N, C-alpha and C. Protein backbone atom coordinates (compact mmCIF):
# COMPACT_ATOMS: atom_id res chain seq x y z
N UNK A 1 82.90 131.36 130.56
CA UNK A 1 83.95 130.86 130.73
C UNK A 1 84.69 130.39 129.46
N UNK A 2 85.96 131.34 129.12
CA UNK A 2 86.57 131.21 127.57
C UNK A 2 87.75 130.07 127.70
N UNK A 3 87.32 129.38 126.34
CA UNK A 3 88.24 128.02 126.03
C UNK A 3 89.56 128.52 125.82
N UNK A 4 90.17 127.43 126.54
CA UNK A 4 91.70 127.94 126.08
C UNK A 4 92.17 126.46 125.44
N UNK A 5 92.48 126.67 124.07
CA UNK A 5 93.13 125.51 123.07
C UNK A 5 94.12 124.78 123.69
N UNK A 6 95.18 125.78 123.32
CA UNK A 6 96.56 125.15 123.72
C UNK A 6 96.62 124.17 124.88
N UNK A 7 96.13 125.05 126.23
CA UNK A 7 95.85 124.34 127.68
C UNK A 7 95.35 122.96 127.36
N UNK A 8 93.88 123.17 126.69
CA UNK A 8 92.95 121.86 126.78
C UNK A 8 93.77 121.13 125.92
N UNK A 9 94.35 121.11 124.84
CA UNK A 9 95.09 120.20 123.63
C UNK A 9 96.14 119.73 124.85
N UNK A 10 97.31 120.48 125.57
CA UNK A 10 98.47 119.73 126.21
C UNK A 10 97.78 118.86 127.27
N UNK A 11 96.21 119.06 127.89
CA UNK A 11 95.54 118.39 128.73
C UNK A 11 95.00 116.87 128.00
N UNK A 12 94.74 116.74 126.63
CA UNK A 12 94.34 115.86 126.25
C UNK A 12 95.79 114.97 125.16
N UNK A 13 96.74 115.50 125.47
CA UNK A 13 98.03 114.89 125.22
C UNK A 13 98.40 113.69 125.95
N UNK A 14 98.37 114.44 127.38
CA UNK A 14 98.54 113.42 128.26
C UNK A 14 97.78 112.37 128.58
N UNK A 15 96.66 112.25 128.12
CA UNK A 15 95.55 111.59 128.32
C UNK A 15 95.64 110.05 128.06
N UNK A 16 95.42 109.16 128.55
CA UNK A 16 95.51 107.82 127.63
C UNK A 16 94.35 107.41 126.85
N UNK A 17 94.77 106.42 126.13
CA UNK A 17 93.21 106.32 124.82
C UNK A 17 91.96 106.08 125.80
N UNK A 18 91.98 105.43 126.53
CA UNK A 18 90.91 104.86 127.55
C UNK A 18 89.91 105.96 128.30
N UNK A 19 90.94 107.32 128.81
CA UNK A 19 90.46 108.58 129.32
C UNK A 19 90.02 109.68 128.17
N UNK A 20 90.74 109.29 126.93
CA UNK A 20 90.32 110.24 125.60
C UNK A 20 88.89 109.58 125.37
N UNK A 21 88.63 108.04 125.05
CA UNK A 21 87.28 107.61 125.03
C UNK A 21 86.25 108.10 125.83
N UNK A 22 86.58 108.08 126.94
CA UNK A 22 85.60 108.54 128.39
C UNK A 22 85.07 110.05 127.81
N UNK A 23 86.38 110.95 127.41
CA UNK A 23 86.11 112.36 127.05
C UNK A 23 85.22 112.98 126.28
N UNK A 24 85.70 111.53 125.50
CA UNK A 24 84.38 112.00 124.24
C UNK A 24 83.51 111.33 124.29
N UNK A 25 83.00 110.28 125.13
CA UNK A 25 81.35 110.38 125.73
C UNK A 25 80.82 111.32 126.58
N UNK A 26 81.58 111.83 127.08
CA UNK A 26 81.16 113.28 128.27
C UNK A 26 80.69 114.26 127.13
N UNK A 27 81.32 114.45 126.03
CA UNK A 27 81.25 115.56 125.22
C UNK A 27 79.97 115.54 124.20
N UNK A 28 80.07 114.02 124.01
CA UNK A 28 79.33 113.43 122.66
C UNK A 28 77.97 112.59 122.85
N UNK A 29 78.22 112.56 123.94
CA UNK A 29 76.91 112.04 124.72
C UNK A 29 76.78 110.55 123.78
N UNK A 30 77.33 109.73 123.29
CA UNK A 30 77.52 108.59 122.63
C UNK A 30 78.73 107.94 122.56
N UNK A 31 78.79 106.75 122.70
CA UNK A 31 80.50 105.65 122.58
C UNK A 31 81.09 105.96 121.50
N UNK A 32 82.32 105.51 121.48
CA UNK A 32 83.12 105.33 120.41
C UNK A 32 83.97 104.14 120.30
N UNK A 33 83.80 103.30 119.15
CA UNK A 33 84.86 102.22 118.99
C UNK A 33 86.40 102.49 118.64
N UNK A 34 86.60 103.96 118.56
CA UNK A 34 87.65 104.44 118.00
C UNK A 34 88.68 104.41 119.20
N UNK A 35 90.28 103.87 118.48
CA UNK A 35 91.29 103.91 119.59
C UNK A 35 92.23 105.07 118.89
N UNK A 36 92.15 105.50 117.78
CA UNK A 36 93.13 106.15 117.66
C UNK A 36 93.39 107.50 118.04
N UNK A 37 94.35 107.55 118.94
CA UNK A 37 94.32 108.76 119.82
C UNK A 37 94.74 110.30 118.91
N UNK A 38 94.90 110.04 118.13
CA UNK A 38 95.15 111.81 116.88
C UNK A 38 94.10 111.94 116.73
N UNK A 39 93.31 111.07 116.31
CA UNK A 39 91.58 111.32 115.65
C UNK A 39 91.01 111.54 116.59
N UNK A 40 90.74 110.63 118.22
CA UNK A 40 90.33 111.10 119.37
C UNK A 40 90.39 112.97 119.99
N UNK A 41 92.04 112.86 119.71
CA UNK A 41 91.93 114.36 120.54
C UNK A 41 91.59 115.42 119.36
N UNK A 42 91.39 115.02 118.03
CA UNK A 42 90.86 116.23 117.03
C UNK A 42 89.60 116.39 117.16
N UNK A 43 88.82 115.25 117.71
CA UNK A 43 87.52 115.19 117.40
C UNK A 43 87.08 116.00 118.65
N UNK A 44 87.60 115.63 119.88
CA UNK A 44 87.32 116.25 120.98
C UNK A 44 87.66 117.92 121.31
N UNK A 45 88.69 118.03 120.28
CA UNK A 45 88.87 119.62 120.81
C UNK A 45 88.18 119.96 120.01
N UNK A 46 87.56 119.86 118.58
CA UNK A 46 86.87 120.32 117.69
C UNK A 46 85.16 120.54 118.27
N UNK A 47 85.13 119.44 119.21
CA UNK A 47 83.60 119.25 120.12
C UNK A 47 83.75 120.76 121.18
N UNK A 48 84.63 120.63 121.62
CA UNK A 48 84.86 121.77 122.53
C UNK A 48 84.63 122.86 121.91
N UNK A 49 85.42 123.27 120.93
CA UNK A 49 85.21 124.53 120.33
C UNK A 49 83.78 124.71 119.83
N UNK A 50 83.41 123.82 119.10
CA UNK A 50 81.51 124.12 118.88
C UNK A 50 81.11 124.18 120.16
N UNK A 51 81.23 123.62 121.17
CA UNK A 51 80.34 123.70 122.12
C UNK A 51 80.59 125.74 122.50
N UNK A 52 81.91 125.80 122.66
CA UNK A 52 82.33 127.13 123.17
C UNK A 52 81.66 127.99 122.47
N UNK A 53 81.62 128.04 120.63
CA UNK A 53 81.53 128.84 119.68
C UNK A 53 80.16 129.00 119.23
N UNK A 54 79.29 128.11 119.57
CA UNK A 54 77.98 127.60 119.16
C UNK A 54 77.53 126.71 117.53
N UNK A 55 78.86 126.10 117.21
CA UNK A 55 78.29 124.84 116.21
C UNK A 55 78.12 126.26 115.14
N UNK A 56 78.10 125.39 114.05
CA UNK A 56 77.27 126.00 112.54
C UNK A 56 76.25 126.78 112.86
N UNK A 57 76.36 127.68 111.75
CA UNK A 57 74.98 128.36 111.66
C UNK A 57 73.78 127.55 111.34
N UNK A 58 72.42 128.40 111.48
CA UNK A 58 71.73 127.56 110.72
C UNK A 58 71.48 127.50 109.39
N UNK A 59 72.04 128.88 108.52
CA UNK A 59 72.40 128.66 107.42
C UNK A 59 73.31 127.77 106.60
N UNK A 60 74.45 127.54 107.69
CA UNK A 60 75.40 126.04 107.22
C UNK A 60 74.84 124.93 107.27
N UNK A 61 74.02 124.81 108.08
CA UNK A 61 73.58 123.19 108.60
C UNK A 61 72.36 122.93 107.27
N UNK A 62 71.29 124.39 107.02
CA UNK A 62 70.72 123.76 106.02
C UNK A 62 71.31 123.82 104.60
N UNK A 63 72.55 124.57 104.34
CA UNK A 63 72.97 124.27 103.09
C UNK A 63 73.64 122.35 102.96
N UNK A 64 74.21 122.43 104.05
CA UNK A 64 74.89 121.03 104.34
C UNK A 64 73.97 119.94 104.35
N UNK A 65 72.68 119.98 104.39
CA UNK A 65 71.82 119.32 104.48
C UNK A 65 71.36 118.84 102.61
N UNK A 66 71.25 120.28 101.93
CA UNK A 66 71.20 120.07 101.03
C UNK A 66 72.04 119.78 99.98
N UNK A 67 73.16 119.99 100.39
CA UNK A 67 74.36 119.23 99.53
C UNK A 67 74.27 117.78 99.59
N UNK A 68 74.31 117.44 100.90
CA UNK A 68 74.16 115.80 101.10
C UNK A 68 73.17 115.21 100.86
N UNK A 69 71.60 116.02 100.38
CA UNK A 69 70.85 115.58 99.61
C UNK A 69 70.88 115.23 98.28
N UNK A 70 71.46 116.25 97.59
CA UNK A 70 71.61 115.93 96.51
C UNK A 70 72.96 115.52 95.56
N UNK A 71 73.54 114.82 96.65
CA UNK A 71 75.05 114.51 96.27
C UNK A 71 74.94 112.84 96.71
N UNK A 72 75.59 112.28 95.60
CA UNK A 72 75.85 111.08 96.05
C UNK A 72 77.01 110.36 96.56
N UNK A 73 77.05 110.36 97.91
CA UNK A 73 78.38 110.02 98.85
C UNK A 73 78.40 108.87 99.34
N UNK A 74 79.66 108.30 99.10
CA UNK A 74 79.84 106.92 99.24
C UNK A 74 81.19 106.82 100.36
N UNK A 75 81.20 105.74 101.25
CA UNK A 75 81.94 105.46 101.78
C UNK A 75 83.24 104.41 100.83
N UNK A 76 82.76 103.59 100.25
CA UNK A 76 83.60 102.62 99.68
C UNK A 76 83.27 102.69 98.23
N UNK A 77 84.16 102.30 97.42
CA UNK A 77 83.58 102.17 96.16
C UNK A 77 82.40 101.10 95.76
N UNK A 78 81.63 101.24 94.71
CA UNK A 78 80.59 99.94 94.71
C UNK A 78 81.31 98.64 93.81
N UNK A 79 80.75 97.62 94.47
CA UNK A 79 81.42 96.50 93.73
C UNK A 79 80.82 96.49 92.37
N UNK A 80 81.65 95.78 91.61
CA UNK A 80 81.50 95.69 90.00
C UNK A 80 80.31 96.82 89.59
N UNK A 81 80.91 97.92 89.40
CA UNK A 81 80.39 98.93 89.06
C UNK A 81 80.53 98.84 87.72
N UNK A 82 81.61 98.27 87.07
CA UNK A 82 81.70 98.22 85.53
C UNK A 82 81.43 96.75 85.08
N UNK A 83 80.94 96.30 83.89
CA UNK A 83 81.37 94.80 83.60
C UNK A 83 82.24 94.65 83.77
N UNK A 84 83.00 93.33 83.97
CA UNK A 84 84.69 92.91 83.93
C UNK A 84 84.86 93.71 82.57
N UNK A 85 84.48 93.28 81.66
CA UNK A 85 85.40 93.50 80.30
C UNK A 85 85.91 94.62 79.98
N UNK A 86 85.00 95.83 80.75
CA UNK A 86 85.75 97.26 80.98
C UNK A 86 86.52 97.33 81.91
N UNK A 87 86.98 96.79 82.59
CA UNK A 87 87.65 97.04 83.92
C UNK A 87 88.89 96.44 83.85
N UNK A 88 89.10 95.20 83.02
CA UNK A 88 90.38 94.51 82.75
C UNK A 88 90.98 95.25 81.53
N UNK A 89 91.98 95.05 81.68
CA UNK A 89 93.13 95.96 80.72
C UNK A 89 93.40 94.89 79.82
N UNK A 90 92.77 94.73 78.15
CA UNK A 90 92.90 93.66 77.00
C UNK A 90 93.69 94.64 76.42
N UNK A 91 94.99 93.96 75.95
CA UNK A 91 95.72 94.58 75.21
C UNK A 91 96.42 93.54 74.40
N UNK A 92 96.37 93.97 73.06
CA UNK A 92 96.89 93.46 71.84
C UNK A 92 97.51 93.90 70.95
N UNK A 93 98.98 93.60 70.78
CA UNK A 93 99.87 93.87 69.86
C UNK A 93 100.14 92.93 68.76
N UNK A 94 100.74 93.30 67.28
CA UNK A 94 101.12 92.83 66.26
C UNK A 94 102.31 91.92 66.43
N UNK A 95 103.40 93.03 66.87
CA UNK A 95 104.86 92.39 66.55
C UNK A 95 105.44 92.93 68.06
N UNK A 96 106.41 92.29 68.35
CA UNK A 96 107.19 92.68 69.90
C UNK A 96 108.69 92.48 69.39
N UNK A 97 109.51 93.09 70.29
CA UNK A 97 110.83 93.01 69.91
C UNK A 97 111.05 91.53 70.45
N UNK A 98 112.42 90.73 69.65
CA UNK A 98 112.54 89.67 70.44
C UNK A 98 113.60 89.48 71.12
N UNK A 99 114.60 90.58 70.75
CA UNK A 99 115.66 90.42 71.52
C UNK A 99 115.69 90.94 73.16
N UNK A 100 114.90 91.34 73.34
CA UNK A 100 114.38 91.97 74.91
C UNK A 100 115.13 93.25 75.05
N UNK A 101 115.71 93.82 74.22
CA UNK A 101 116.53 94.99 74.61
C UNK A 101 115.69 96.24 74.86
N UNK A 102 114.42 96.46 74.11
CA UNK A 102 113.59 97.54 74.48
C UNK A 102 111.88 96.90 74.65
N UNK A 103 111.39 97.40 75.77
CA UNK A 103 110.09 97.04 76.36
C UNK A 103 109.10 97.77 74.96
N UNK A 104 109.51 98.80 74.58
CA UNK A 104 108.84 99.47 73.01
C UNK A 104 108.47 98.14 72.13
N UNK A 105 107.23 98.31 71.77
CA UNK A 105 106.93 97.47 70.58
C UNK A 105 107.57 97.93 69.51
N UNK A 106 107.71 96.86 68.13
CA UNK A 106 108.31 97.38 67.03
C UNK A 106 107.48 98.25 66.09
N UNK A 107 107.99 99.41 65.31
CA UNK A 107 107.24 100.41 64.54
C UNK A 107 106.22 99.39 63.75
N UNK A 108 105.28 100.34 64.07
CA UNK A 108 104.28 99.77 62.85
C UNK A 108 103.09 98.88 63.73
N UNK A 109 103.49 98.68 64.85
CA UNK A 109 102.78 97.78 65.87
C UNK A 109 101.30 98.79 66.15
N UNK A 110 100.46 98.09 66.30
CA UNK A 110 98.69 98.51 66.77
C UNK A 110 98.76 98.10 67.92
N UNK A 111 98.33 98.89 69.01
CA UNK A 111 98.10 98.77 70.76
C UNK A 111 96.79 98.98 70.88
N UNK A 112 95.68 98.08 71.53
CA UNK A 112 94.79 98.17 71.41
C UNK A 112 94.26 98.13 72.92
N UNK A 113 93.44 98.79 73.30
CA UNK A 113 92.92 98.70 75.12
C UNK A 113 91.62 99.09 74.96
N UNK A 114 90.69 98.56 76.03
CA UNK A 114 89.36 98.95 75.94
C UNK A 114 89.66 99.71 77.66
N UNK A 115 88.93 101.46 77.37
CA UNK A 115 89.26 101.70 78.39
C UNK A 115 87.65 102.68 78.67
N UNK A 116 86.86 102.34 80.03
CA UNK A 116 85.83 103.37 80.04
C UNK A 116 84.97 102.87 79.00
N UNK A 117 84.82 101.81 78.37
CA UNK A 117 83.68 101.27 77.37
C UNK A 117 84.26 101.73 75.80
N UNK A 118 85.63 102.22 76.03
CA UNK A 118 86.02 102.96 74.42
C UNK A 118 87.37 102.40 74.15
N UNK A 119 87.54 101.64 73.10
CA UNK A 119 88.22 101.19 72.38
C UNK A 119 89.59 101.75 72.05
N UNK A 120 90.76 102.03 72.57
CA UNK A 120 92.18 103.09 72.43
C UNK A 120 92.87 102.15 71.52
N UNK A 121 93.27 103.16 70.32
CA UNK A 121 94.28 102.45 69.67
C UNK A 121 95.28 103.07 69.29
N UNK A 122 96.39 102.69 69.61
CA UNK A 122 98.02 103.23 69.39
C UNK A 122 98.70 102.69 68.78
N UNK A 123 99.30 103.65 67.48
CA UNK A 123 100.32 103.26 66.68
C UNK A 123 101.73 103.41 66.99
N UNK A 124 102.30 102.38 67.09
CA UNK A 124 103.85 102.52 67.58
C UNK A 124 104.70 103.09 66.07
N UNK A 125 105.40 104.36 66.32
CA UNK A 125 106.03 104.74 65.00
C UNK A 125 107.59 104.71 65.58
N UNK A 126 108.47 105.08 64.55
CA UNK A 126 110.05 104.86 64.98
C UNK A 126 110.17 105.87 65.62
N UNK A 127 109.29 106.90 65.81
CA UNK A 127 109.92 108.39 66.81
C UNK A 127 108.49 108.18 67.78
N UNK A 128 107.64 107.43 68.16
CA UNK A 128 106.76 107.92 69.25
C UNK A 128 105.48 107.19 69.04
N UNK A 129 104.67 107.61 69.05
CA UNK A 129 103.27 107.14 69.16
C UNK A 129 102.32 107.93 68.62
N UNK A 130 101.29 107.39 67.77
CA UNK A 130 100.25 108.08 67.46
C UNK A 130 99.00 107.79 67.81
N UNK A 131 97.95 108.43 68.74
CA UNK A 131 97.09 108.52 68.94
C UNK A 131 95.59 109.58 68.63
N UNK A 132 95.05 109.01 68.04
CA UNK A 132 94.16 110.43 67.11
C UNK A 132 94.65 111.46 66.68
N UNK A 133 95.47 110.83 65.46
CA UNK A 133 95.93 112.00 64.86
C UNK A 133 97.35 112.79 65.56
N UNK A 134 97.62 112.53 66.79
CA UNK A 134 98.62 113.30 67.42
C UNK A 134 99.79 112.24 67.58
N UNK A 135 101.15 112.78 67.84
CA UNK A 135 102.12 112.13 67.88
C UNK A 135 102.62 112.24 69.21
N UNK A 136 102.91 111.21 69.96
CA UNK A 136 103.06 111.72 71.78
C UNK A 136 104.54 111.11 71.51
N UNK A 137 105.64 111.33 72.55
CA UNK A 137 106.84 110.47 72.65
C UNK A 137 107.08 109.32 73.23
N UNK A 138 106.21 109.52 74.49
CA UNK A 138 106.11 108.00 75.57
C UNK A 138 104.31 107.58 75.30
N UNK A 139 104.43 106.28 75.98
CA UNK A 139 103.08 105.73 75.97
C UNK A 139 102.48 105.99 77.37
N UNK A 140 103.56 106.82 78.15
CA UNK A 140 102.98 107.28 79.51
C UNK A 140 102.35 108.92 79.19
N UNK A 141 102.42 109.63 77.95
CA UNK A 141 102.09 110.53 77.46
C UNK A 141 100.69 110.53 77.19
N UNK A 142 100.87 109.25 76.18
CA UNK A 142 99.22 108.84 75.45
C UNK A 142 98.42 108.48 76.38
N UNK A 143 98.86 107.67 77.98
CA UNK A 143 97.81 107.45 78.83
C UNK A 143 97.62 108.64 79.58
N UNK A 144 98.47 109.67 79.94
CA UNK A 144 97.93 110.62 80.26
C UNK A 144 96.70 111.81 79.69
N UNK A 145 96.62 111.56 78.36
CA UNK A 145 96.18 111.91 77.51
C UNK A 145 94.66 111.65 77.61
N UNK A 146 94.87 110.09 77.90
CA UNK A 146 93.63 109.45 77.52
C UNK A 146 92.81 109.58 79.36
N UNK A 147 93.55 109.34 80.26
CA UNK A 147 93.01 109.42 81.44
C UNK A 147 93.07 110.91 82.41
N UNK A 148 93.87 111.59 81.77
CA UNK A 148 93.99 113.10 82.59
C UNK A 148 94.71 112.98 83.79
N UNK A 149 95.21 111.58 84.04
CA UNK A 149 96.12 111.65 85.43
C UNK A 149 97.59 111.00 84.60
N UNK A 150 98.57 110.75 85.68
CA UNK A 150 99.76 110.10 85.03
C UNK A 150 99.96 108.85 85.12
N UNK A 151 100.26 108.10 84.54
CA UNK A 151 100.28 106.41 84.22
C UNK A 151 101.53 106.04 83.77
N UNK A 152 102.05 105.24 83.95
CA UNK A 152 102.84 104.34 83.39
C UNK A 152 102.34 103.88 82.28
N UNK A 153 102.80 103.99 80.97
CA UNK A 153 102.09 103.96 79.91
C UNK A 153 102.55 102.11 79.46
N UNK A 154 103.43 101.28 80.01
CA UNK A 154 103.46 100.20 79.87
C UNK A 154 102.80 99.51 80.75
N UNK A 155 102.24 99.53 81.94
CA UNK A 155 101.69 99.69 82.81
C UNK A 155 99.52 99.57 82.43
N UNK A 156 99.68 100.67 81.86
CA UNK A 156 98.62 101.17 81.02
C UNK A 156 97.71 100.34 80.23
N UNK A 157 98.98 100.19 79.39
CA UNK A 157 98.55 99.26 78.26
C UNK A 157 98.70 97.63 78.45
N UNK A 158 98.97 97.34 79.68
CA UNK A 158 99.27 95.81 79.83
C UNK A 158 100.12 95.41 79.01
N UNK A 159 101.24 95.84 78.82
CA UNK A 159 102.80 95.28 78.30
C UNK A 159 103.50 94.95 79.46
N UNK A 160 103.92 93.74 79.07
CA UNK A 160 104.98 92.90 80.03
C UNK A 160 106.19 93.62 80.02
N UNK A 161 107.39 93.19 80.82
CA UNK A 161 108.48 94.13 81.00
C UNK A 161 109.58 93.66 79.79
N UNK A 162 109.02 92.18 79.37
CA UNK A 162 110.03 92.01 78.01
C UNK A 162 109.44 92.29 76.67
N UNK A 163 108.11 93.15 76.90
CA UNK A 163 107.67 93.32 75.72
C UNK A 163 106.73 92.48 74.91
N UNK A 164 106.37 91.61 75.62
CA UNK A 164 105.43 90.19 75.24
C UNK A 164 104.03 90.59 75.48
N UNK A 165 103.25 89.94 75.25
CA UNK A 165 101.72 90.13 75.33
C UNK A 165 101.41 89.56 76.01
């Protein structure tokens, strides 16, 4: 018997969640607490194809076991993986604008922050921000250089909307 995926998928789409859970038990020989239709349908159709075509090869199973054994796999992030002093964004500025016209601190201000155990210091210039000898046009560019991903510079350095610390 060859599996007609389109036909089976159409039949699964017409089933209720209860019927899908029953079908899941038939194919996997175990119960599920899942009630998400799309997830159940995907798992059921995958299992049907796996049974039809023989599943993963022995080599693929061995490699998966090898990778799983040597990897640190987590479902959720660990709690308190870093001391509180490293995770909190502590920012100190020397001077800020008083008029509230701009969020940018005054030129000459030194912005400091601890990130991943490293002290970050950024000097505010009239035409940008200096970090490790390089001049950047925005705090966001500095934050991206530090983290490797896009950040709002004011949020990364914990600067308030009005420019106050």
